[in-house]
Every structure is written in C-alpha cells, then in structure tokens.
Amino acid sequence: MSTMTLTRTESARSVDPAPRFTDLLAAEWIKLRSLRSTYWVLALASLVAIGINLNAVHSDLTYIDHPPRPIPGLPPYRYDALYHSLSSIACYVMAIAAGSLGAITVFGEYTSGMIRTTFAAVPDRRGVIAAKVLLIGGITALAGAVVSTVSFFACNAMLASRHVGLSIAQGVSLQAVIAYAAIVPVCALIGMALGALLRHATASIVSLVMLLFILPLMFGGDRYRWLNEIGSHLPMATINRLTYNPDSNSTISKWAPSVLDSWITMGAWAAVSVAVTVVVVRRRDV
C-alpha cells in the first residue's frame, strides 16, 4: 500500500520537460505575429527605403545627361552610383524602424505585463532573450538584405543605360551592400538593449534617435581628433565608412577609421547590446 502511494506521489510531482529552444522561438514568433503593427511597420519601411533609393537615382538621370560645367581647379564631375543607390536617408529609415521594433519587443512585454507570464512558464531568462535576439535579428537582417540588394541592383540597372552603373564585383560594391544590410539588425539589437534598460516607449525611442542621429552631430569635424575618434565609432558612422566609394569625388576625414576597424565597431555594438539586454533582464525584477 505504501509503495503504491509513493508511486502515485512521485507521478503527481512529475513535471513537464523543459521547453526546447525551438519552442521558445515559436513562442516569440507568435508574440511578434500577434502584433501586426510591428512587422507591418518594418515591411512598410523597407518599401519606403527602396522607393527613396530608386527615386533618388531616377531624379539624377537628368543631371547625368547634362552634367554641371567643370569648375577650374577641381576634378571633373563624376557621378557616384554607389552613394546614390544606397542613400543615407533610406538607411536612416531602416535604422529607426528596426531599432523601434527591437525596443518594442522588450518594453512591450513589460508594459503589458506579459513578461511575468513568460518567465513563469519559462524561468530560463537567458533562453527567452536568446530567442528574442535570434528572431528579431534574423527578421531585420532579412529586411536589410532585401532593401540593400534590391536597391543596388535596381538603381544600377537604371544607370547602366547612362554607362555609369556599377556591378556587384566592382570596387567596394559588395562590401557596401553587405554593410548596408548589416546595420539594420545591429540597430534592432541596440533598440532591444534600450528597451530593456528603460522599459518605456517614449524614453526608448527618443534615446534611440539620440544615439543614432543626434550624437554623431556632436562628435564630428576635423578640428579635434578625439571628438572625431568618438564619432567614428558610433553605430551609423560605421555604415558611412563601409559604403564610402574611394573612386568618387567625395572625401572622408583624415582620421577616418579603417574598413576593418569599422566592421569590428559594428560587431562590438551588436555584441554589447545583446550582453546588456541579457544582464538587465536577468538581474532586474519584472
């Protein structure tokens, strides 16, 4: 009798197996898909970014057909197909959209109280954050790759009729296309870190805008090297360096970082953002 009672007690105390990482990914995907406004914003931003690049190049066709007169003492005008097909304005649109999406996935659960349910079902907070990082990073990387690839090939297809288009194997084109796509998930991870730190919609978005766009205005110019060094290691400065075309008439700072340094800086921002998100979520109460 006692043996049967013990067996029943052990059976009652048995628990379900711990969720696998694929289960966590599926759960995060369901959460993201249930908030249609979030991924629709990213999709709309991607279309807008592609449209900005296409419109910029299409508008330039007239100037390519009728280039400005050469100015004495300056080199002849040379159209920079790389700069115009991967414009900074379109990149800023994608950065804001991806960063906002990353922030919403974190602070949205705190403001709604969903985070308590999540951690009650899955006590492993690192696993939950890892699933969020992989999902948001993958989705924004896909969006960045689509915008970068479509913009480059479509714009240069238009420019081919004017014999100023570039191929993907020409110069730094491939590097620029990859960097243009890579900055999008990096901004999403930065947004996640800010969302975990601040846990407030307005504060997170405002901080994101200040970090990506306001701070570079404060750390620029060639007068003070230390200011330039700080500015060149901010997130959006890396994309400016990696998409720079040395065959164009444009110039960069005399203290501009190397290409390798810019890649390392971009990777460091991503790694630090993930680390901050994990540490903050693990140590702070819900």
C-alpha atoms as a PDB file:
ATOM      1  CA  MET A   1       0.000   0.000   0.000  1.00  0.00           C
ATOM      2  CA  SER A   2       2.809   2.370   0.900  1.00  0.00           C
ATOM      3  CA  THR A   3       4.607   1.507  -2.345  1.00  0.00           C
ATOM      4  CA  MET A   4       1.531   2.385  -4.404  1.00  0.00           C
ATOM      5  CA  THR A   5       1.126   5.664  -2.506  1.00  0.00           C
ATOM      6  CA  LEU A   6       4.775   6.575  -3.098  1.00  0.00           C
ATOM      7  CA  THR A   7       4.460   5.821  -6.784  1.00  0.00           C
ATOM      8  CA  ARG A   8       1.380   7.990  -7.104  1.00  0.00           C
ATOM      9  CA  THR A   9       3.086  10.810  -5.195  1.00  0.00           C
ATOM     10  CA  GLU A  10       6.126  10.702  -7.468  1.00  0.00           C
ATOM     11  CA  SER A  11       3.843  10.651 -10.510  1.00  0.00           C
ATOM     12  CA  ALA A  12       1.937  13.685  -9.248  1.00  0.00           C
ATOM     13  CA  ARG A  13       5.162  15.545  -8.648  1.00  0.00           C
ATOM     14  CA  SER A  14       6.443  14.836 -12.125  1.00  0.00           C
ATOM     15  CA  VAL A  15       6.744  17.963 -14.261  1.00  0.00           C
ATOM     16  CA  ASP A  16       6.682  18.597 -17.955  1.00  0.00           C
ATOM     17  CA  PRO A  17      10.043  18.599 -19.703  1.00  0.00           C
ATOM     18  CA  ALA A  18      11.797  21.943 -20.045  1.00  0.00           C
ATOM     19  CA  PRO A  19      10.897  23.773 -23.253  1.00  0.00           C
ATOM     20  CA  ARG A  20      13.366  23.429 -26.077  1.00  0.00           C
ATOM     21  CA  PHE A  21      14.924  26.423 -27.754  1.00  0.00           C
ATOM     22  CA  THR A  22      12.785  25.822 -30.822  1.00  0.00           C
ATOM     23  CA  ASP A  23       9.721  26.091 -28.573  1.00  0.00           C
ATOM     24  CA  LEU A  24      10.960  29.455 -27.309  1.00  0.00           C
ATOM     25  CA  LEU A  25      11.485  30.640 -30.886  1.00  0.00           C
ATOM     26  CA  ALA A  26       7.968  29.532 -31.796  1.00  0.00           C
ATOM     27  CA  ALA A  27       6.531  31.369 -28.785  1.00  0.00           C
ATOM     28  CA  GLU A  28       8.381  34.570 -29.662  1.00  0.00           C
ATOM     29  CA  TRP A  29       7.218  34.306 -33.253  1.00  0.00           C
ATOM     30  CA  ILE A  30       3.605  34.006 -32.085  1.00  0.00           C
ATOM     31  CA  LYS A  31       4.018  37.120 -29.916  1.00  0.00           C
ATOM     32  CA  LEU A  32       5.519  39.090 -32.780  1.00  0.00           C
ATOM     33  CA  ARG A  33       2.931  37.904 -35.276  1.00  0.00           C
ATOM     34  CA  SER A  34       0.087  38.831 -32.922  1.00  0.00           C
ATOM     35  CA  LEU A  35       1.263  42.467 -33.023  1.00  0.00           C
ATOM     36  CA  ARG A  36       0.646  43.137 -36.689  1.00  0.00           C
ATOM     37  CA  SER A  37       1.611  46.784 -36.462  1.00  0.00           C
ATOM     38  CA  THR A  38       5.210  45.884 -35.606  1.00  0.00           C
ATOM     39  CA  TYR A  39       6.134  43.820 -38.626  1.00  0.00           C
ATOM     40  CA  TRP A  40       3.932  45.900 -40.920  1.00  0.00           C
ATOM     41  CA  VAL A  41       5.982  48.930 -39.912  1.00  0.00           C
ATOM     42  CA  LEU A  42       9.176  47.081 -40.838  1.00  0.00           C
ATOM     43  CA  ALA A  43       7.706  45.949 -44.165  1.00  0.00           C
ATOM     44  CA  LEU A  44       6.471  49.457 -44.961  1.00  0.00           C
ATOM     45  CA  ALA A  45       9.836  50.947 -44.004  1.00  0.00           C
ATOM     46  CA  SER A  46      11.553  48.512 -46.372  1.00  0.00           C
ATOM     47  CA  LEU A  47       9.328  49.557 -49.258  1.00  0.00           C
ATOM     48  CA  VAL A  48       9.831  53.236 -48.439  1.00  0.00           C
ATOM     49  CA  ALA A  49      13.617  52.792 -48.266  1.00  0.00           C
ATOM     50  CA  ILE A  50      13.723  51.067 -51.649  1.00  0.00           C
ATOM     51  CA  GLY A  51      11.466  53.769 -53.082  1.00  0.00           C
ATOM     52  CA  ILE A  52      13.749  56.510 -51.743  1.00  0.00           C
ATOM     53  CA  ASN A  53      16.789  54.974 -53.414  1.00  0.00           C
ATOM     54  CA  LEU A  54      15.013  54.377 -56.724  1.00  0.00           C
ATOM     55  CA  ASN A  55      13.564  57.867 -56.781  1.00  0.00           C
ATOM     56  CA  ALA A  56      16.944  59.426 -55.977  1.00  0.00           C
ATOM     57  CA  VAL A  57      18.645  57.697 -58.899  1.00  0.00           C
ATOM     58  CA  HIS A  58      15.745  58.313 -61.270  1.00  0.00           C
ATOM     59  CA  SER A  59      15.832  62.008 -60.412  1.00  0.00           C
ATOM     60  CA  ASP A  60      19.563  62.098 -61.123  1.00  0.00           C
ATOM     61  CA  LEU A  61      19.237  60.855 -64.695  1.00  0.00           C
ATOM     62  CA  THR A  62      18.679  64.400 -65.944  1.00  0.00           C
ATOM     63  CA  TYR A  63      21.848  65.629 -64.222  1.00  0.00           C
ATOM     64  CA  ILE A  64      23.798  62.676 -65.609  1.00  0.00           C
ATOM     65  CA  ASP A  65      22.653  63.555 -69.140  1.00  0.00           C
ATOM     66  CA  HIS A  66      23.539  67.216 -68.562  1.00  0.00           C
ATOM     67  CA  PRO A  67      26.428  67.285 -66.068  1.00  0.00           C
ATOM     68  CA  PRO A  68      27.451  70.605 -64.494  1.00  0.00           C
ATOM     69  CA  ARG A  69      30.228  72.593 -66.078  1.00  0.00           C
ATOM     70  CA  PRO A  70      33.678  71.830 -64.682  1.00  0.00           C
ATOM     71  CA  ILE A  71      34.958  74.284 -62.093  1.00  0.00           C
ATOM     72  CA  PRO A  72      38.544  75.469 -62.602  1.00  0.00           C
ATOM     73  CA  GLY A  73      40.905  73.864 -60.114  1.00  0.00           C
ATOM     74  CA  LEU A  74      38.553  70.993 -59.265  1.00  0.00           C
ATOM     75  CA  PRO A  75      38.455  67.500 -60.785  1.00  0.00           C
ATOM     76  CA  PRO A  76      35.727  66.864 -63.379  1.00  0.00           C
ATOM     77  CA  TYR A  77      32.313  65.821 -62.105  1.00  0.00           C
ATOM     78  CA  ARG A  78      31.955  62.082 -61.610  1.00  0.00           C
ATOM     79  CA  TYR A  79      28.630  60.524 -60.659  1.00  0.00           C
ATOM     80  CA  ASP A  80      28.852  58.290 -57.588  1.00  0.00           C
ATOM     81  CA  ALA A  81      26.474  55.419 -58.358  1.00  0.00           C
ATOM     82  CA  LEU A  82      27.221  53.669 -55.067  1.00  0.00           C
ATOM     83  CA  TYR A  83      26.399  56.675 -52.898  1.00  0.00           C
ATOM     84  CA  HIS A  84      23.099  57.371 -54.660  1.00  0.00           C
ATOM     85  CA  SER A  85      21.886  53.765 -54.954  1.00  0.00           C
ATOM     86  CA  LEU A  86      22.499  53.173 -51.228  1.00  0.00           C
ATOM     87  CA  SER A  87      21.478  56.552 -49.848  1.00  0.00           C
ATOM     88  CA  SER A  88      21.865  57.524 -46.214  1.00  0.00           C
ATOM     89  CA  ILE A  89      18.239  58.691 -45.925  1.00  0.00           C
ATOM     90  CA  ALA A  90      16.913  55.236 -46.763  1.00  0.00           C
ATOM     91  CA  CYS A  91      19.389  53.739 -44.307  1.00  0.00           C
ATOM     92  CA  TYR A  92      18.113  56.047 -41.565  1.00  0.00           C
ATOM     93  CA  VAL A  93      14.535  54.948 -42.254  1.00  0.00           C
ATOM     94  CA  MET A  94      15.508  51.301 -41.829  1.00  0.00           C
ATOM     95  CA  ALA A  95      17.564  52.059 -38.719  1.00  0.00           C
ATOM     96  CA  ILE A  96      14.632  53.762 -36.995  1.00  0.00           C
ATOM     97  CA  ALA A  97      12.183  51.014 -37.990  1.00  0.00           C
ATOM     98  CA  ALA A  98      14.473  48.174 -36.884  1.00  0.00           C
ATOM     99  CA  GLY A  99      15.527  49.893 -33.663  1.00  0.00           C
ATOM    100  CA  SER A 100      11.909  50.619 -32.761  1.00  0.00           C
ATOM    101  CA  LEU A 101      10.933  47.016 -33.459  1.00  0.00           C
ATOM    102  CA  GLY A 102      13.724  45.756 -31.223  1.00  0.00           C
ATOM    103  CA  ALA A 103      12.736  48.096 -28.400  1.00  0.00           C
ATOM    104  CA  ILE A 104       9.033  47.227 -28.650  1.00  0.00           C
ATOM    105  CA  THR A 105       9.666  43.502 -28.328  1.00  0.00           C
ATOM    106  CA  VAL A 106      11.229  44.115 -24.915  1.00  0.00           C
ATOM    107  CA  PHE A 107       9.463  47.056 -23.289  1.00  0.00           C
ATOM    108  CA  GLY A 108       6.123  45.978 -24.794  1.00  0.00           C
ATOM    109  CA  GLU A 109       6.098  42.860 -22.647  1.00  0.00           C
ATOM    110  CA  TYR A 110       6.950  44.830 -19.522  1.00  0.00           C
ATOM    111  CA  THR A 111       4.255  47.462 -20.041  1.00  0.00           C
ATOM    112  CA  SER A 112       1.593  44.845 -20.825  1.00  0.00           C
ATOM    113  CA  GLY A 113       2.619  42.504 -18.001  1.00  0.00           C
ATOM    114  CA  MET A 114       3.190  39.637 -20.445  1.00  0.00           C
ATOM    115  CA  ILE A 115       6.748  39.273 -19.182  1.00  0.00           C
ATOM    116  CA  ARG A 116       5.505  37.809 -15.889  1.00  0.00           C
ATOM    117  CA  THR A 117       3.604  35.093 -17.732  1.00  0.00           C
ATOM    118  CA  THR A 118       6.604  34.417 -19.934  1.00  0.00           C
ATOM    119  CA  PHE A 119       9.027  33.963 -17.049  1.00  0.00           C
ATOM    120  CA  ALA A 120       6.502  31.944 -15.048  1.00  0.00           C
ATOM    121  CA  ALA A 121       6.269  29.492 -17.944  1.00  0.00           C
ATOM    122  CA  VAL A 122       9.995  29.651 -18.772  1.00  0.00           C
ATOM    123  CA  PRO A 123      12.214  30.559 -15.783  1.00  0.00           C
ATOM    124  CA  ASP A 124      15.288  30.461 -18.014  1.00  0.00           C
ATOM    125  CA  ARG A 125      15.501  34.166 -18.830  1.00  0.00           C
ATOM    126  CA  ARG A 126      18.637  33.765 -20.900  1.00  0.00           C
ATOM    127  CA  GLY A 127      16.838  31.332 -23.175  1.00  0.00           C
ATOM    128  CA  VAL A 128      13.937  33.731 -23.642  1.00  0.00           C
ATOM    129  CA  ILE A 129      16.224  36.640 -24.508  1.00  0.00           C
ATOM    130  CA  ALA A 130      18.313  34.453 -26.820  1.00  0.00           C
ATOM    131  CA  ALA A 131      15.154  33.514 -28.705  1.00  0.00           C
ATOM    132  CA  LYS A 132      14.135  37.191 -28.969  1.00  0.00           C
ATOM    133  CA  VAL A 133      17.589  38.180 -30.205  1.00  0.00           C
ATOM    134  CA  LEU A 134      17.703  35.436 -32.819  1.00  0.00           C
ATOM    135  CA  LEU A 135      14.187  36.135 -34.080  1.00  0.00           C
ATOM    136  CA  ILE A 136      14.424  39.931 -34.241  1.00  0.00           C
ATOM    137  CA  GLY A 137      17.979  39.815 -35.541  1.00  0.00           C
ATOM    138  CA  GLY A 138      17.008  37.343 -38.263  1.00  0.00           C
ATOM    139  CA  ILE A 139      13.913  39.244 -39.380  1.00  0.00           C
ATOM    140  CA  THR A 140      15.658  42.618 -39.510  1.00  0.00           C
ATOM    141  CA  ALA A 141      18.693  41.096 -41.235  1.00  0.00           C
ATOM    142  CA  LEU A 142      16.375  39.706 -43.913  1.00  0.00           C
ATOM    143  CA  ALA A 143      14.715  43.105 -44.325  1.00  0.00           C
ATOM    144  CA  GLY A 144      18.105  44.813 -44.555  1.00  0.00           C
ATOM    145  CA  ALA A 145      19.331  42.303 -47.139  1.00  0.00           C
ATOM    146  CA  VAL A 146      16.218  42.807 -49.283  1.00  0.00           C
ATOM    147  CA  VAL A 147      16.482  46.605 -49.180  1.00  0.00           C
ATOM    148  CA  SER A 148      20.225  46.612 -49.846  1.00  0.00           C
ATOM    149  CA  THR A 149      20.154  44.081 -52.675  1.00  0.00           C
ATOM    150  CA  VAL A 150      17.063  45.377 -54.452  1.00  0.00           C
ATOM    151  CA  SER A 151      18.208  48.993 -54.166  1.00  0.00           C
ATOM    152  CA  PHE A 152      21.687  48.316 -55.529  1.00  0.00           C
ATOM    153  CA  PHE A 153      20.706  46.154 -58.494  1.00  0.00           C
ATOM    154  CA  ALA A 154      17.585  48.122 -59.453  1.00  0.00           C
ATOM    155  CA  CYS A 155      19.333  51.509 -59.250  1.00  0.00           C
ATOM    156  CA  ASN A 156      22.386  50.376 -61.175  1.00  0.00           C
ATOM    157  CA  ALA A 157      20.177  48.759 -63.793  1.00  0.00           C
ATOM    158  CA  MET A 158      18.723  52.226 -64.443  1.00  0.00           C
ATOM    159  CA  LEU A 159      22.193  53.747 -64.502  1.00  0.00           C
ATOM    160  CA  ALA A 160      23.509  51.143 -66.933  1.00  0.00           C
ATOM    161  CA  SER A 161      21.838  52.963 -69.840  1.00  0.00           C
ATOM    162  CA  ARG A 162      23.969  56.021 -68.943  1.00  0.00           C
ATOM    163  CA  HIS A 163      27.116  53.872 -68.617  1.00  0.00           C
ATOM    164  CA  VAL A 164      27.724  54.939 -65.024  1.00  0.00           C
ATOM    165  CA  GLY A 165      26.279  51.903 -63.252  1.00  0.00           C
ATOM    166  CA  LEU A 166      28.308  49.558 -61.078  1.00  0.00           C
ATOM    167  CA  SER A 167      28.471  45.790 -60.895  1.00  0.00           C
ATOM    168  CA  ILE A 168      28.458  43.967 -57.584  1.00  0.00           C
ATOM    169  CA  ALA A 169      32.064  42.903 -58.150  1.00  0.00           C
ATOM    170  CA  GLN A 170      33.296  46.393 -58.945  1.00  0.00           C
ATOM    171  CA  GLY A 171      35.245  48.340 -56.336  1.00  0.00           C
ATOM    172  CA  VAL A 172      33.715  48.241 -52.850  1.00  0.00           C
ATOM    173  CA  SER A 173      30.195  47.473 -54.089  1.00  0.00           C
ATOM    174  CA  LEU A 174      29.885  44.081 -52.390  1.00  0.00           C
ATOM    175  CA  GLN A 175      31.244  45.450 -49.115  1.00  0.00           C
ATOM    176  CA  ALA A 176      28.797  48.350 -49.248  1.00  0.00           C
ATOM    177  CA  VAL A 177      25.797  46.110 -49.954  1.00  0.00           C
ATOM    178  CA  ILE A 178      26.673  43.796 -47.049  1.00  0.00           C
ATOM    179  CA  ALA A 179      27.291  46.684 -44.654  1.00  0.00           C
ATOM    180  CA  TYR A 180      24.074  48.432 -45.724  1.00  0.00           C
ATOM    181  CA  ALA A 181      22.178  45.269 -44.797  1.00  0.00           C
ATOM    182  CA  ALA A 182      24.146  44.519 -41.612  1.00  0.00           C
ATOM    183  CA  ILE A 183      23.476  47.849 -39.917  1.00  0.00           C
ATOM    184  CA  VAL A 184      19.734  47.076 -39.802  1.00  0.00           C
ATOM    185  CA  PRO A 185      19.908  44.130 -37.329  1.00  0.00           C
ATOM    186  CA  VAL A 186      22.577  45.987 -35.350  1.00  0.00           C
ATOM    187  CA  CYS A 187      20.132  48.862 -34.814  1.00  0.00           C
ATOM    188  CA  ALA A 188      17.458  46.342 -33.820  1.00  0.00           C
ATOM    189  CA  LEU A 189      19.738  44.889 -31.143  1.00  0.00           C
ATOM    190  CA  ILE A 190      20.567  48.384 -29.888  1.00  0.00           C
ATOM    191  CA  GLY A 191      16.846  49.040 -29.635  1.00  0.00           C
ATOM    192  CA  MET A 192      16.394  45.865 -27.595  1.00  0.00           C
ATOM    193  CA  ALA A 193      19.085  46.981 -25.141  1.00  0.00           C
ATOM    194  CA  LEU A 194      17.482  50.406 -24.728  1.00  0.00           C
ATOM    195  CA  GLY A 195      14.065  48.811 -24.272  1.00  0.00           C
ATOM    196  CA  ALA A 196      15.429  46.540 -21.538  1.00  0.00           C
ATOM    197  CA  LEU A 197      17.198  49.416 -19.777  1.00  0.00           C
ATOM    198  CA  LEU A 198      14.393  51.992 -19.909  1.00  0.00           C
ATOM    199  CA  ARG A 199      11.213  49.874 -20.183  1.00  0.00           C
ATOM    200  CA  HIS A 200       9.309  52.870 -21.513  1.00  0.00           C
ATOM    201  CA  ALA A 201       8.129  53.507 -25.066  1.00  0.00           C
ATOM    202  CA  THR A 202       8.897  57.208 -25.392  1.00  0.00           C
ATOM    203  CA  ALA A 203      12.189  57.063 -23.499  1.00  0.00           C
ATOM    204  CA  SER A 204      13.409  54.102 -25.559  1.00  0.00           C
ATOM    205  CA  ILE A 205      12.589  55.637 -28.943  1.00  0.00           C
ATOM    206  CA  VAL A 206      13.955  59.072 -28.030  1.00  0.00           C
ATOM    207  CA  SER A 207      17.180  57.509 -26.722  1.00  0.00           C
ATOM    208  CA  LEU A 208      17.478  55.501 -29.921  1.00  0.00           C
ATOM    209  CA  VAL A 209      17.157  58.616 -32.067  1.00  0.00           C
ATOM    210  CA  MET A 210      19.695  60.500 -29.939  1.00  0.00           C
ATOM    211  CA  LEU A 211      22.220  57.674 -30.118  1.00  0.00           C
ATOM    212  CA  LEU A 212      21.893  57.059 -33.843  1.00  0.00           C
ATOM    213  CA  PHE A 213      21.410  60.588 -35.186  1.00  0.00           C
ATOM    214  CA  ILE A 214      21.977  63.340 -32.597  1.00  0.00           C
ATOM    215  CA  LEU A 215      25.263  62.222 -31.041  1.00  0.00           C
ATOM    216  CA  PRO A 216      27.066  61.995 -34.426  1.00  0.00           C
ATOM    217  CA  LEU A 217      26.364  65.708 -34.897  1.00  0.00           C
ATOM    218  CA  MET A 218      28.194  66.451 -31.647  1.00  0.00           C
ATOM    219  CA  PHE A 219      31.245  64.331 -32.455  1.00  0.00           C
ATOM    220  CA  GLY A 220      32.286  65.396 -35.918  1.00  0.00           C
ATOM    221  CA  GLY A 221      34.653  67.646 -37.798  1.00  0.00           C
ATOM    222  CA  ASP A 222      38.419  67.503 -38.155  1.00  0.00           C
ATOM    223  CA  ARG A 223      39.417  70.124 -35.606  1.00  0.00           C
ATOM    224  CA  TYR A 224      39.750  67.813 -32.610  1.00  0.00           C
ATOM    225  CA  ARG A 225      40.916  64.300 -33.218  1.00  0.00           C
ATOM    226  CA  TRP A 226      39.454  62.853 -30.015  1.00  0.00           C
ATOM    227  CA  LEU A 227      35.989  64.103 -30.964  1.00  0.00           C
ATOM    228  CA  ASN A 228      36.365  62.589 -34.405  1.00  0.00           C
ATOM    229  CA  GLU A 229      37.526  59.277 -32.908  1.00  0.00           C
ATOM    230  CA  ILE A 230      34.431  59.071 -30.718  1.00  0.00           C
ATOM    231  CA  GLY A 231      32.109  59.998 -33.567  1.00  0.00           C
ATOM    232  CA  SER A 232      33.635  57.491 -35.965  1.00  0.00           C
ATOM    233  CA  HIS A 233      32.847  54.650 -33.554  1.00  0.00           C
ATOM    234  CA  LEU A 234      29.146  55.421 -33.232  1.00  0.00           C
ATOM    235  CA  PRO A 235      26.805  52.946 -34.980  1.00  0.00           C
ATOM    236  CA  MET A 236      25.769  54.995 -38.021  1.00  0.00           C
ATOM    237  CA  ALA A 237      29.324  56.231 -38.606  1.00  0.00           C
ATOM    238  CA  THR A 238      30.376  52.670 -39.418  1.00  0.00           C
ATOM    239  CA  ILE A 239      27.963  52.430 -42.328  1.00  0.00           C
ATOM    240  CA  ASN A 240      29.180  55.760 -43.690  1.00  0.00           C
ATOM    241  CA  ARG A 241      32.746  54.428 -43.738  1.00  0.00           C
ATOM    242  CA  LEU A 242      31.902  50.995 -45.139  1.00  0.00           C
ATOM    243  CA  THR A 243      29.830  52.403 -48.016  1.00  0.00           C
ATOM    244  CA  TYR A 244      32.383  55.075 -48.931  1.00  0.00           C
ATOM    245  CA  ASN A 245      33.490  54.852 -52.554  1.00  0.00           C
ATOM    246  CA  PRO A 246      37.184  55.777 -52.882  1.00  0.00           C
ATOM    247  CA  ASP A 247      36.755  56.199 -56.660  1.00  0.00           C
ATOM    248  CA  SER A 248      34.322  59.100 -56.211  1.00  0.00           C
ATOM    249  CA  ASN A 249      34.976  62.816 -55.797  1.00  0.00           C
ATOM    250  CA  SER A 250      33.830  62.766 -52.167  1.00  0.00           C
ATOM    251  CA  THR A 251      36.322  62.734 -49.313  1.00  0.00           C
ATOM    252  CA  ILE A 252      36.399  61.397 -45.774  1.00  0.00           C
ATOM    253  CA  SER A 253      38.037  62.619 -42.594  1.00  0.00           C
ATOM    254  CA  LYS A 254      41.805  62.347 -42.357  1.00  0.00           C
ATOM    255  CA  TRP A 255      41.245  60.436 -39.114  1.00  0.00           C
ATOM    256  CA  ALA A 256      38.644  58.079 -40.538  1.00  0.00           C
ATOM    257  CA  PRO A 257      38.922  54.513 -39.212  1.00  0.00           C
ATOM    258  CA  SER A 258      39.970  51.621 -41.414  1.00  0.00           C
ATOM    259  CA  VAL A 259      37.454  49.274 -43.008  1.00  0.00           C
ATOM    260  CA  LEU A 260      38.384  46.508 -40.561  1.00  0.00           C
ATOM    261  CA  ASP A 261      38.008  48.871 -37.615  1.00  0.00           C
ATOM    262  CA  SER A 262      34.518  49.824 -38.792  1.00  0.00           C
ATOM    263  CA  TRP A 263      33.486  46.163 -39.100  1.00  0.00           C
ATOM    264  CA  ILE A 264      34.808  45.492 -35.596  1.00  0.00           C
ATOM    265  CA  THR A 265      32.939  48.527 -34.249  1.00  0.00           C
ATOM    266  CA  MET A 266      29.679  47.371 -35.805  1.00  0.00           C
ATOM    267  CA  GLY A 267      30.120  43.888 -34.354  1.00  0.00           C
ATOM    268  CA  ALA A 268      31.009  45.331 -30.952  1.00  0.00           C
ATOM    269  CA  TRP A 269      27.795  47.391 -30.851  1.00  0.00           C
ATOM    270  CA  ALA A 270      25.789  44.259 -31.608  1.00  0.00           C
ATOM    271  CA  ALA A 271      27.601  42.133 -29.015  1.00  0.00           C
ATOM    272  CA  VAL A 272      27.408  44.762 -26.275  1.00  0.00           C
ATOM    273  CA  SER A 273      23.721  45.348 -26.970  1.00  0.00           C
ATOM    274  CA  VAL A 274      22.950  41.642 -26.597  1.00  0.00           C
ATOM    275  CA  ALA A 275      25.022  41.431 -23.400  1.00  0.00           C
ATOM    276  CA  VAL A 276      23.264  44.468 -21.895  1.00  0.00           C
ATOM    277  CA  THR A 277      19.850  43.027 -22.712  1.00  0.00           C
ATOM    278  CA  VAL A 278      20.659  39.656 -21.147  1.00  0.00           C
ATOM    279  CA  VAL A 279      22.223  41.102 -17.976  1.00  0.00           C
ATOM    280  CA  VAL A 280      19.470  43.660 -17.384  1.00  0.00           C
ATOM    281  CA  VAL A 281      16.612  41.214 -17.908  1.00  0.00           C
ATOM    282  CA  ARG A 282      18.241  38.582 -15.713  1.00  0.00           C
ATOM    283  CA  ARG A 283      19.042  40.856 -12.767  1.00  0.00           C
ATOM    284  CA  ARG A 284      16.092  43.223 -12.644  1.00  0.00           C
ATOM    285  CA  ASP A 285      12.706  42.281 -11.265  1.00  0.00           C
ATOM    286  CA  VAL A 286       9.739  42.118 -13.584  1.00  0.00           C
END
